Amino acid sequence: LDDAVKFDMGAYRSAAEDSKLPVTLRISKTRLFLSAQNEEDPVLLKE
């Protein structure tokens, strides 16, 4: 399991989405964030 990617999860809030919990997924100890793409497209790592 040490080979698995480790993530830090950051929580955000918005008055327009008060019933949901928006989060970011960042690879721990890096500046790389998961970035959503179109359907069936690979998730990108955005610095």
All heavy atoms as atom14 arrays in JSON, in Angstrom:
{
  "sequence": "LDDAVKFDMGAYRSAAEDSKLPVTLRISKTRLFLSAQNEEDPVLLKE",
  "atom14_mask": [
    [1, 1, 1, 1, 1, 1, 1, 1, 0, 0, 0, 0, 0, 0],
    [1, 1, 1, 1, 1, 1, 1, 1, 0, 0, 0, 0, 0, 0],
    [1, 1, 1, 1, 1, 1, 1, 1, 0, 0, 0, 0, 0, 0],
    [1, 1, 1, 1, 1, 0, 0, 0, 0, 0, 0, 0, 0, 0],
    [1, 1, 1, 1, 1, 1, 1, 0, 0, 0, 0, 0, 0, 0],
    [1, 1, 1, 1, 1, 1, 1, 1, 1, 0, 0, 0, 0, 0],
    [1, 1, 1, 1, 1, 1, 1, 1, 1, 1, 1, 0, 0, 0],
    [1, 1, 1, 1, 1, 1, 1, 1, 0, 0, 0, 0, 0, 0],
    [1, 1, 1, 1, 1, 1, 1, 1, 0, 0, 0, 0, 0, 0],
    [1, 1, 1, 1, 0, 0, 0, 0, 0, 0, 0, 0, 0, 0],
    [1, 1, 1, 1, 1, 0, 0, 0, 0, 0, 0, 0, 0, 0],
    [1, 1, 1, 1, 1, 1, 1, 1, 1, 1, 1, 1, 0, 0],
    [1, 1, 1, 1, 1, 1, 1, 1, 1, 1, 1, 0, 0, 0],
    [1, 1, 1, 1, 1, 1, 0, 0, 0, 0, 0, 0, 0, 0],
    [1, 1, 1, 1, 1, 0, 0, 0, 0, 0, 0, 0, 0, 0],
    [1, 1, 1, 1, 1, 0, 0, 0, 0, 0, 0, 0, 0, 0],
    [1, 1, 1, 1, 1, 1, 1, 1, 1, 0, 0, 0, 0, 0],
    [1, 1, 1, 1, 1, 1, 1, 1, 0, 0, 0, 0, 0, 0],
    [1, 1, 1, 1, 1, 1, 0, 0, 0, 0, 0, 0, 0, 0],
    [1, 1, 1, 1, 1, 1, 1, 1, 1, 0, 0, 0, 0, 0],
    [1, 1, 1, 1, 1, 1, 1, 1, 0, 0, 0, 0, 0, 0],
    [1, 1, 1, 1, 1, 1, 1, 0, 0, 0, 0, 0, 0, 0],
    [1, 1, 1, 1, 1, 1, 1, 0, 0, 0, 0, 0, 0, 0],
    [1, 1, 1, 1, 1, 1, 1, 0, 0, 0, 0, 0, 0, 0],
    [1, 1, 1, 1, 1, 1, 1, 1, 0, 0, 0, 0, 0, 0],
    [1, 1, 1, 1, 1, 1, 1, 1, 1, 1, 1, 0, 0, 0],
    [1, 1, 1, 1, 1, 1, 1, 1, 0, 0, 0, 0, 0, 0],
    [1, 1, 1, 1, 1, 1, 0, 0, 0, 0, 0, 0, 0, 0],
    [1, 1, 1, 1, 1, 1, 1, 1, 1, 0, 0, 0, 0, 0],
    [1, 1, 1, 1, 1, 1, 1, 0, 0, 0, 0, 0, 0, 0],
    [1, 1, 1, 1, 1, 1, 1, 1, 1, 1, 1, 0, 0, 0],
    [1, 1, 1, 1, 1, 1, 1, 1, 0, 0, 0, 0, 0, 0],
    [1, 1, 1, 1, 1, 1, 1, 1, 1, 1, 1, 0, 0, 0],
    [1, 1, 1, 1, 1, 1, 1, 1, 0, 0, 0, 0, 0, 0],
    [1, 1, 1, 1, 1, 1, 0, 0, 0, 0, 0, 0, 0, 0],
    [1, 1, 1, 1, 1, 0, 0, 0, 0, 0, 0, 0, 0, 0],
    [1, 1, 1, 1, 1, 1, 1, 1, 1, 0, 0, 0, 0, 0],
    [1, 1, 1, 1, 1, 1, 1, 1, 0, 0, 0, 0, 0, 0],
    [1, 1, 1, 1, 1, 1, 1, 1, 1, 0, 0, 0, 0, 0],
    [1, 1, 1, 1, 1, 1, 1, 1, 1, 0, 0, 0, 0, 0],
    [1, 1, 1, 1, 1, 1, 1, 1, 0, 0, 0, 0, 0, 0],
    [1, 1, 1, 1, 1, 1, 1, 0, 0, 0, 0, 0, 0, 0],
    [1, 1, 1, 1, 1, 1, 1, 0, 0, 0, 0, 0, 0, 0],
    [1, 1, 1, 1, 1, 1, 1, 1, 0, 0, 0, 0, 0, 0],
    [1, 1, 1, 1, 1, 1, 1, 1, 0, 0, 0, 0, 0, 0],
    [1, 1, 1, 1, 1, 1, 1, 1, 1, 0, 0, 0, 0, 0],
    [1, 1, 1, 1, 1, 1, 1, 1, 1, 0, 0, 0, 0, 0]
  ],
  "atom14_positions": [
    [[0.81, -1.22, 0.0], [0.0, 0.0, 0.0], [0.84, 1.27, 0.0], [0.33, 2.35, -0.28], [-0.94, 0.0, 1.22], [-2.06, -1.04, 1.19], [-2.91, -0.93, 2.45], [-2.92, -0.86, -0.05], [0.0, 0.0, 0.0], [0.0, 0.0, 0.0], [0.0, 0.0, 0.0], [0.0, 0.0, 0.0], [0.0, 0.0, 0.0], [0.0, 0.0, 0.0]],
    [[2.14, 1.13, 0.28], [3.01, 2.31, 0.22], [3.15, 2.82, -1.2], [3.55, 3.97, -1.42], [4.4, 1.97, 0.79], [4.36, 1.75, 2.3], [3.41, 2.25, 2.93], [5.27, 1.06, 2.82], [0.0, 0.0, 0.0], [0.0, 0.0, 0.0], [0.0, 0.0, 0.0], [0.0, 0.0, 0.0], [0.0, 0.0, 0.0], [0.0, 0.0, 0.0]],
    [[2.82, 1.95, -2.19], [2.91, 2.36, -3.59], [1.67, 3.15, -4.03], [1.66, 3.72, -5.13], [3.07, 1.13, -4.49], [4.39, 0.41, -4.24], [5.35, 1.08, -3.81], [4.44, -0.81, -4.47], [0.0, 0.0, 0.0], [0.0, 0.0, 0.0], [0.0, 0.0, 0.0], [0.0, 0.0, 0.0], [0.0, 0.0, 0.0], [0.0, 0.0, 0.0]],
    [[0.65, 3.15, -3.21], [-0.58, 3.87, -3.55], [-0.37, 5.38, -3.39], [0.43, 5.83, -2.56], [-1.73, 3.41, -2.68], [0.0, 0.0, 0.0], [0.0, 0.0, 0.0], [0.0, 0.0, 0.0], [0.0, 0.0, 0.0], [0.0, 0.0, 0.0], [0.0, 0.0, 0.0], [0.0, 0.0, 0.0], [0.0, 0.0, 0.0], [0.0, 0.0, 0.0]],
    [[-1.09, 6.15, -4.2], [-1.01, 7.6, -4.1], [-1.69, 8.06, -2.81], [-2.78, 7.59, -2.46], [-1.69, 8.27, -5.32], [-1.76, 9.78, -5.14], [-0.93, 7.93, -6.59], [0.0, 0.0, 0.0], [0.0, 0.0, 0.0], [0.0, 0.0, 0.0], [0.0, 0.0, 0.0], [0.0, 0.0, 0.0], [0.0, 0.0, 0.0], [0.0, 0.0, 0.0]],
    [[-1.06, 8.96, -2.12], [-1.64, 9.55, -0.9], [-2.24, 10.91, -1.25], [-1.62, 11.71, -1.96], [-0.56, 9.72, 0.18], [0.26, 8.47, 0.46], [-0.58, 7.36, 1.05], [0.29, 6.22, 1.58], [1.14, 5.6, 0.53], [0.0, 0.0, 0.0], [0.0, 0.0, 0.0], [0.0, 0.0, 0.0], [0.0, 0.0, 0.0], [0.0, 0.0, 0.0]],
    [[-3.42, 11.15, -0.72], [-4.14, 12.39, -1.02], [-4.39, 13.2, 0.24], [-4.66, 12.65, 1.31], [-5.49, 12.1, -1.68], [-5.4, 11.45, -3.03], [-5.53, 10.07, -3.16], [-5.18, 12.21, -4.17], [-5.45, 9.47, -4.41], [-5.1, 11.62, -5.42], [-5.24, 10.24, -5.54], [0.0, 0.0, 0.0], [0.0, 0.0, 0.0], [0.0, 0.0, 0.0]],
    [[-4.33, 14.54, 0.08], [-4.85, 15.46, 1.09], [-6.16, 16.02, 0.56], [-6.23, 16.45, -0.61], [-3.86, 16.6, 1.35], [-2.57, 16.12, 2.01], [-2.56, 14.98, 2.53], [-1.58, 16.87, 1.99], [0.0, 0.0, 0.0], [0.0, 0.0, 0.0], [0.0, 0.0, 0.0], [0.0, 0.0, 0.0], [0.0, 0.0, 0.0], [0.0, 0.0, 0.0]],
    [[-7.17, 16.02, 1.4], [-8.5, 16.49, 0.98], [-8.8, 17.84, 1.62], [-8.84, 17.97, 2.84], [-9.57, 15.47, 1.38], [-10.96, 15.79, 0.84], [-12.24, 14.63, 1.43], [-11.62, 13.08, 0.76], [0.0, 0.0, 0.0], [0.0, 0.0, 0.0], [0.0, 0.0, 0.0], [0.0, 0.0, 0.0], [0.0, 0.0, 0.0], [0.0, 0.0, 0.0]],
    [[-8.97, 18.85, 0.78], [-9.29, 20.19, 1.26], [-10.77, 20.49, 1.13], [-11.37, 20.25, 0.07], [0.0, 0.0, 0.0], [0.0, 0.0, 0.0], [0.0, 0.0, 0.0], [0.0, 0.0, 0.0], [0.0, 0.0, 0.0], [0.0, 0.0, 0.0], [0.0, 0.0, 0.0], [0.0, 0.0, 0.0], [0.0, 0.0, 0.0], [0.0, 0.0, 0.0]],
    [[-11.39, 21.01, 2.19], [-12.83, 21.29, 2.2], [-13.1, 22.76, 1.89], [-12.39, 23.65, 2.36], [-13.43, 20.93, 3.55], [0.0, 0.0, 0.0], [0.0, 0.0, 0.0], [0.0, 0.0, 0.0], [0.0, 0.0, 0.0], [0.0, 0.0, 0.0], [0.0, 0.0, 0.0], [0.0, 0.0, 0.0], [0.0, 0.0, 0.0], [0.0, 0.0, 0.0]],
    [[-14.14, 22.99, 1.11], [-14.56, 24.34, 0.74], [-16.04, 24.52, 1.09], [-16.74, 23.55, 1.4], [-14.35, 24.58, -0.76], [-12.91, 24.77, -1.16], [-12.03, 23.68, -1.19], [-12.41, 26.03, -1.47], [-10.7, 23.84, -1.54], [-11.08, 26.2, -1.82], [-10.23, 25.11, -1.86], [-8.91, 25.28, -2.19], [0.0, 0.0, 0.0], [0.0, 0.0, 0.0]],
    [[-16.49, 25.76, 1.03], [-17.9, 26.03, 1.29], [-18.37, 27.15, 0.36], [-17.6, 27.97, -0.11], [-18.14, 26.45, 2.74], [-17.45, 27.74, 3.15], [-17.68, 28.04, 4.61], [-16.91, 29.2, 5.06], [-16.83, 29.6, 6.32], [-17.47, 28.94, 7.26], [-16.11, 30.67, 6.63], [0.0, 0.0, 0.0], [0.0, 0.0, 0.0], [0.0, 0.0, 0.0]],
    [[-19.69, 27.12, 0.11], [-20.3, 28.14, -0.74], [-21.73, 28.34, -0.28], [-22.44, 27.38, 0.05], [-20.28, 27.72, -2.21], [-21.07, 28.57, -3.0], [0.0, 0.0, 0.0], [0.0, 0.0, 0.0], [0.0, 0.0, 0.0], [0.0, 0.0, 0.0], [0.0, 0.0, 0.0], [0.0, 0.0, 0.0], [0.0, 0.0, 0.0], [0.0, 0.0, 0.0]],
    [[-22.16, 29.62, -0.26], [-23.54, 29.92, 0.13], [-24.55, 29.3, -0.82], [-25.66, 28.94, -0.44], [-23.74, 31.44, 0.2], [0.0, 0.0, 0.0], [0.0, 0.0, 0.0], [0.0, 0.0, 0.0], [0.0, 0.0, 0.0], [0.0, 0.0, 0.0], [0.0, 0.0, 0.0], [0.0, 0.0, 0.0], [0.0, 0.0, 0.0], [0.0, 0.0, 0.0]],
    [[-24.14, 29.13, -2.09], [-25.04, 28.57, -3.09], [-25.14, 27.06, -2.99], [-26.06, 26.46, -3.54], [-24.58, 28.97, -4.49], [0.0, 0.0, 0.0], [0.0, 0.0, 0.0], [0.0, 0.0, 0.0], [0.0, 0.0, 0.0], [0.0, 0.0, 0.0], [0.0, 0.0, 0.0], [0.0, 0.0, 0.0], [0.0, 0.0, 0.0], [0.0, 0.0, 0.0]],
    [[-24.19, 26.41, -2.32], [-24.17, 24.95, -2.21], [-24.01, 24.55, -0.75], [-23.14, 23.75, -0.4], [-23.02, 24.36, -3.05], [-23.07, 24.69, -4.53], [-24.16, 23.92, -5.25], [-24.79, 23.05, -4.63], [-24.38, 24.18, -6.45], [0.0, 0.0, 0.0], [0.0, 0.0, 0.0], [0.0, 0.0, 0.0], [0.0, 0.0, 0.0], [0.0, 0.0, 0.0]],
    [[-24.85, 25.08, 0.12], [-24.67, 24.87, 1.55], [-25.01, 23.45, 2.0], [-24.66, 23.04, 3.1], [-25.5, 25.88, 2.35], [-26.98, 25.83, 1.99], [-27.34, 25.09, 1.05], [-27.77, 26.54, 2.64], [0.0, 0.0, 0.0], [0.0, 0.0, 0.0], [0.0, 0.0, 0.0], [0.0, 0.0, 0.0], [0.0, 0.0, 0.0], [0.0, 0.0, 0.0]],
    [[-25.69, 22.67, 1.14], [-26.05, 21.3, 1.5], [-25.03, 20.28, 1.0], [-25.18, 19.09, 1.23], [-27.43, 20.95, 0.95], [-27.44, 21.0, -0.46], [0.0, 0.0, 0.0], [0.0, 0.0, 0.0], [0.0, 0.0, 0.0], [0.0, 0.0, 0.0], [0.0, 0.0, 0.0], [0.0, 0.0, 0.0], [0.0, 0.0, 0.0], [0.0, 0.0, 0.0]],
    [[-23.99, 20.74, 0.28], [-22.99, 19.84, -0.27], [-21.61, 20.23, 0.25], [-21.4, 21.35, 0.73], [-23.01, 19.89, -1.8], [-24.35, 19.49, -2.4], [-24.32, 19.6, -3.92], [-25.66, 19.23, -4.52], [-25.66, 19.34, -6.0], [0.0, 0.0, 0.0], [0.0, 0.0, 0.0], [0.0, 0.0, 0.0], [0.0, 0.0, 0.0], [0.0, 0.0, 0.0]],
    [[-20.68, 19.28, 0.13], [-19.32, 19.54, 0.6], [-18.35, 19.45, -0.58], [-17.96, 18.37, -1.0], [-18.92, 18.53, 1.68], [-17.51, 18.69, 2.26], [-17.33, 20.09, 2.86], [-17.21, 17.62, 3.29], [0.0, 0.0, 0.0], [0.0, 0.0, 0.0], [0.0, 0.0, 0.0], [0.0, 0.0, 0.0], [0.0, 0.0, 0.0], [0.0, 0.0, 0.0]],
    [[-17.96, 20.6, -1.13], [-16.96, 20.59, -2.2], [-15.56, 20.37, -1.62], [-15.2, 20.96, -0.6], [-17.09, 22.0, -2.82], [-18.28, 22.63, -2.17], [-18.47, 21.96, -0.86], [0.0, 0.0, 0.0], [0.0, 0.0, 0.0], [0.0, 0.0, 0.0], [0.0, 0.0, 0.0], [0.0, 0.0, 0.0], [0.0, 0.0, 0.0], [0.0, 0.0, 0.0]],
    [[-14.78, 19.51, -2.28], [-13.43, 19.22, -1.81], [-12.46, 19.22, -2.99], [-12.85, 19.04, -4.14], [-13.35, 17.87, -1.07], [-14.24, 17.86, 0.15], [-13.69, 16.71, -2.01], [0.0, 0.0, 0.0], [0.0, 0.0, 0.0], [0.0, 0.0, 0.0], [0.0, 0.0, 0.0], [0.0, 0.0, 0.0], [0.0, 0.0, 0.0], [0.0, 0.0, 0.0]],
    [[-11.2, 19.41, -2.67], [-10.13, 19.18, -3.64], [-9.35, 17.95, -3.2], [-9.28, 17.64, -2.0], [-9.17, 20.38, -3.73], [-8.65, 20.68, -2.41], [-9.89, 21.61, -4.27], [0.0, 0.0, 0.0], [0.0, 0.0, 0.0], [0.0, 0.0, 0.0], [0.0, 0.0, 0.0], [0.0, 0.0, 0.0], [0.0, 0.0, 0.0], [0.0, 0.0, 0.0]],
    [[-8.76, 17.26, -4.18], [-7.9, 16.11, -3.9], [-6.51, 16.45, -4.44], [-6.3, 16.53, -5.65], [-8.45, 14.85, -4.55], [-9.76, 14.31, -3.97], [-10.34, 13.23, -4.85], [-9.52, 13.78, -2.55], [0.0, 0.0, 0.0], [0.0, 0.0, 0.0], [0.0, 0.0, 0.0], [0.0, 0.0, 0.0], [0.0, 0.0, 0.0], [0.0, 0.0, 0.0]],
    [[-5.58, 16.65, -3.51], [-4.21, 16.99, -3.88], [-3.3, 15.84, -3.48], [-3.44, 15.27, -2.38], [-3.77, 18.27, -3.18], [-2.33, 18.69, -3.46], [-2.01, 20.02, -2.79], [-2.16, 19.96, -1.34], [-1.21, 19.54, -0.49], [-0.04, 19.13, -0.95], [-1.44, 19.54, 0.81], [0.0, 0.0, 0.0], [0.0, 0.0, 0.0], [0.0, 0.0, 0.0]],
    [[-2.39, 15.46, -4.38], [-1.42, 14.44, -4.01], [-0.53, 15.0, -2.91], [0.04, 16.09, -3.04], [-0.59, 14.01, -5.23], [-1.5, 13.37, -6.29], [0.52, 13.05, -4.83], [-0.77, 12.91, -7.53], [0.0, 0.0, 0.0], [0.0, 0.0, 0.0], [0.0, 0.0, 0.0], [0.0, 0.0, 0.0], [0.0, 0.0, 0.0], [0.0, 0.0, 0.0]],
    [[-0.45, 14.28, -1.82], [0.27, 14.75, -0.63], [1.71, 15.13, -0.97], [2.38, 14.46, -1.78], [0.27, 13.68, 0.46], [-1.06, 13.34, 0.82], [0.0, 0.0, 0.0], [0.0, 0.0, 0.0], [0.0, 0.0, 0.0], [0.0, 0.0, 0.0], [0.0, 0.0, 0.0], [0.0, 0.0, 0.0], [0.0, 0.0, 0.0], [0.0, 0.0, 0.0]],
    [[2.17, 16.22, -0.36], [3.52, 16.73, -0.49], [3.87, 17.13, -1.93], [5.04, 17.13, -2.32], [4.54, 15.7, 0.03], [4.34, 15.33, 1.49], [5.35, 14.28, 1.95], [5.13, 13.92, 3.41], [6.1, 12.89, 3.89], [0.0, 0.0, 0.0], [0.0, 0.0, 0.0], [0.0, 0.0, 0.0], [0.0, 0.0, 0.0], [0.0, 0.0, 0.0]],
    [[2.85, 17.45, -2.71], [3.06, 17.96, -4.07], [2.12, 19.14, -4.29], [1.31, 19.49, -3.42], [2.77, 16.9, -5.15], [1.36, 16.71, -5.26], [3.44, 15.58, -4.82], [0.0, 0.0, 0.0], [0.0, 0.0, 0.0], [0.0, 0.0, 0.0], [0.0, 0.0, 0.0], [0.0, 0.0, 0.0], [0.0, 0.0, 0.0], [0.0, 0.0, 0.0]],
    [[2.19, 19.72, -5.5], [1.28, 20.79, -5.9], [0.29, 20.31, -6.95], [-0.32, 21.1, -7.66], [2.07, 21.98, -6.46], [3.04, 22.59, -5.46], [3.9, 23.66, -6.12], [4.83, 24.29, -5.19], [5.73, 25.2, -5.52], [5.83, 25.57, -6.8], [6.53, 25.72, -4.62], [0.0, 0.0, 0.0], [0.0, 0.0, 0.0], [0.0, 0.0, 0.0]],
    [[0.1, 19.0, -7.04], [-0.73, 18.39, -8.07], [-2.14, 18.12, -7.56], [-2.33, 17.35, -6.61], [-0.08, 17.1, -8.58], [1.31, 17.26, -9.22], [1.88, 15.9, -9.58], [1.23, 18.17, -10.43], [0.0, 0.0, 0.0], [0.0, 0.0, 0.0], [0.0, 0.0, 0.0], [0.0, 0.0, 0.0], [0.0, 0.0, 0.0], [0.0, 0.0, 0.0]],
    [[-3.12, 18.73, -8.21], [-4.53, 18.55, -7.86], [-5.24, 17.75, -8.95], [-4.97, 17.93, -10.14], [-5.23, 19.91, -7.73], [-4.81, 20.71, -6.52], [-3.6, 21.38, -6.49], [-5.64, 20.79, -5.41], [-3.21, 22.12, -5.39], [-5.27, 21.53, -4.3], [-4.05, 22.2, -4.28], [0.0, 0.0, 0.0], [0.0, 0.0, 0.0], [0.0, 0.0, 0.0]],
    [[-6.16, 16.89, -8.55], [-6.98, 16.18, -9.52], [-7.89, 17.18, -10.23], [-8.53, 18.01, -9.58], [-7.81, 15.09, -8.85], [-7.14, 13.7, -8.75], [-5.92, 13.76, -7.84], [-8.14, 12.67, -8.23], [0.0, 0.0, 0.0], [0.0, 0.0, 0.0], [0.0, 0.0, 0.0], [0.0, 0.0, 0.0], [0.0, 0.0, 0.0], [0.0, 0.0, 0.0]],
    [[-7.96, 17.06, -11.55], [-8.75, 18.0, -12.35], [-9.7, 17.22, -13.26], [-9.26, 16.4, -14.07], [-7.82, 18.89, -13.18], [-8.56, 19.74, -14.02], [0.0, 0.0, 0.0], [0.0, 0.0, 0.0], [0.0, 0.0, 0.0], [0.0, 0.0, 0.0], [0.0, 0.0, 0.0], [0.0, 0.0, 0.0], [0.0, 0.0, 0.0], [0.0, 0.0, 0.0]],
    [[-11.0, 17.46, -13.12], [-12.02, 16.75, -13.89], [-11.98, 17.15, -15.36], [-11.72, 18.31, -15.7], [-13.4, 17.02, -13.31], [0.0, 0.0, 0.0], [0.0, 0.0, 0.0], [0.0, 0.0, 0.0], [0.0, 0.0, 0.0], [0.0, 0.0, 0.0], [0.0, 0.0, 0.0], [0.0, 0.0, 0.0], [0.0, 0.0, 0.0], [0.0, 0.0, 0.0]],
    [[-12.24, 16.17, -16.23], [-12.31, 16.41, -17.67], [-13.68, 15.96, -18.17], [-14.61, 15.76, -17.4], [-11.18, 15.66, -18.37], [-9.79, 15.99, -17.85], [-9.44, 17.47, -17.96], [-9.54, 18.04, -19.04], [-9.07, 18.1, -16.85], [0.0, 0.0, 0.0], [0.0, 0.0, 0.0], [0.0, 0.0, 0.0], [0.0, 0.0, 0.0], [0.0, 0.0, 0.0]],
    [[-13.81, 15.8, -19.47], [-15.07, 15.36, -20.05], [-15.27, 13.86, -19.81], [-14.37, 13.15, -19.36], [-15.1, 15.65, -21.55], [-15.09, 17.14, -21.84], [-15.68, 17.93, -21.12], [-14.39, 17.53, -22.9], [0.0, 0.0, 0.0], [0.0, 0.0, 0.0], [0.0, 0.0, 0.0], [0.0, 0.0, 0.0], [0.0, 0.0, 0.0], [0.0, 0.0, 0.0]],
    [[-16.47, 13.4, -20.13], [-16.81, 12.0, -19.9], [-15.85, 11.07, -20.63], [-15.52, 11.28, -21.8], [-18.24, 11.74, -20.36], [-18.75, 10.35, -20.03], [-20.22, 10.16, -20.33], [-20.81, 11.1, -20.91], [-20.76, 9.11, -20.01], [0.0, 0.0, 0.0], [0.0, 0.0, 0.0], [0.0, 0.0, 0.0], [0.0, 0.0, 0.0], [0.0, 0.0, 0.0]],
    [[-15.38, 10.05, -19.91], [-14.45, 9.03, -20.4], [-13.02, 9.54, -20.56], [-12.11, 8.76, -20.84], [-14.92, 8.42, -21.74], [-16.25, 7.68, -21.64], [-16.22, 6.49, -20.67], [-15.13, 5.91, -20.5], [-17.26, 6.17, -20.08], [0.0, 0.0, 0.0], [0.0, 0.0, 0.0], [0.0, 0.0, 0.0], [0.0, 0.0, 0.0], [0.0, 0.0, 0.0]],
    [[-12.79, 10.83, -20.38], [-11.43, 11.35, -20.46], [-10.69, 11.13, -19.14], [-11.3, 11.21, -18.06], [-11.44, 12.85, -20.79], [-11.81, 13.13, -22.23], [-11.8, 12.17, -23.03], [-12.11, 14.29, -22.55], [0.0, 0.0, 0.0], [0.0, 0.0, 0.0], [0.0, 0.0, 0.0], [0.0, 0.0, 0.0], [0.0, 0.0, 0.0], [0.0, 0.0, 0.0]],
    [[-9.39, 10.87, -19.2], [-8.63, 10.66, -17.96], [-8.62, 11.91, -17.09], [-8.57, 13.04, -17.6], [-7.21, 10.32, -18.45], [-7.38, 9.92, -19.88], [-8.55, 10.67, -20.4], [0.0, 0.0, 0.0], [0.0, 0.0, 0.0], [0.0, 0.0, 0.0], [0.0, 0.0, 0.0], [0.0, 0.0, 0.0], [0.0, 0.0, 0.0], [0.0, 0.0, 0.0]],
    [[-8.66, 11.7, -15.78], [-8.49, 12.8, -14.84], [-7.06, 13.31, -14.95], [-6.1, 12.53, -14.97], [-8.79, 12.32, -13.41], [-8.42, 13.41, -12.4], [-10.26, 11.94, -13.27], [0.0, 0.0, 0.0], [0.0, 0.0, 0.0], [0.0, 0.0, 0.0], [0.0, 0.0, 0.0], [0.0, 0.0, 0.0], [0.0, 0.0, 0.0], [0.0, 0.0, 0.0]],
    [[-6.91, 14.62, -15.05], [-5.58, 15.21, -15.17], [-5.03, 15.6, -13.8], [-5.78, 15.8, -12.84], [-5.63, 16.45, -16.07], [-5.93, 16.22, -17.56], [-5.92, 17.56, -18.29], [-4.94, 15.26, -18.18], [0.0, 0.0, 0.0], [0.0, 0.0, 0.0], [0.0, 0.0, 0.0], [0.0, 0.0, 0.0], [0.0, 0.0, 0.0], [0.0, 0.0, 0.0]],
    [[-3.71, 15.74, -13.75], [-3.05, 16.27, -12.57], [-2.64, 17.7, -12.89], [-1.8, 17.94, -13.74], [-1.83, 15.42, -12.21], [-2.13, 13.96, -11.83], [-0.84, 13.2, -11.56], [-3.06, 13.9, -10.62], [0.0, 0.0, 0.0], [0.0, 0.0, 0.0], [0.0, 0.0, 0.0], [0.0, 0.0, 0.0], [0.0, 0.0, 0.0], [0.0, 0.0, 0.0]],
    [[-3.27, 18.64, -12.2], [-3.06, 20.06, -12.47], [-2.16, 20.65, -11.39], [-2.47, 20.56, -10.2], [-4.4, 20.79, -12.51], [-4.31, 22.25, -12.89], [-5.7, 22.86, -13.01], [-5.65, 24.3, -13.43], [-7.02, 24.88, -13.58], [0.0, 0.0, 0.0], [0.0, 0.0, 0.0], [0.0, 0.0, 0.0], [0.0, 0.0, 0.0], [0.0, 0.0, 0.0]],
    [[-1.07, 21.28, -11.81], [-0.14, 21.86, -10.84], [-0.58, 23.27, -10.47], [-0.78, 24.13, -11.34], [1.27, 21.9, -11.42], [2.31, 22.38, -10.4], [3.73, 22.2, -10.9], [3.9, 21.74, -12.04], [4.67, 22.51, -10.13], [0.0, 0.0, 0.0], [0.0, 0.0, 0.0], [0.0, 0.0, 0.0], [0.0, 0.0, 0.0], [0.0, 0.0, 0.0]]
  ]
}
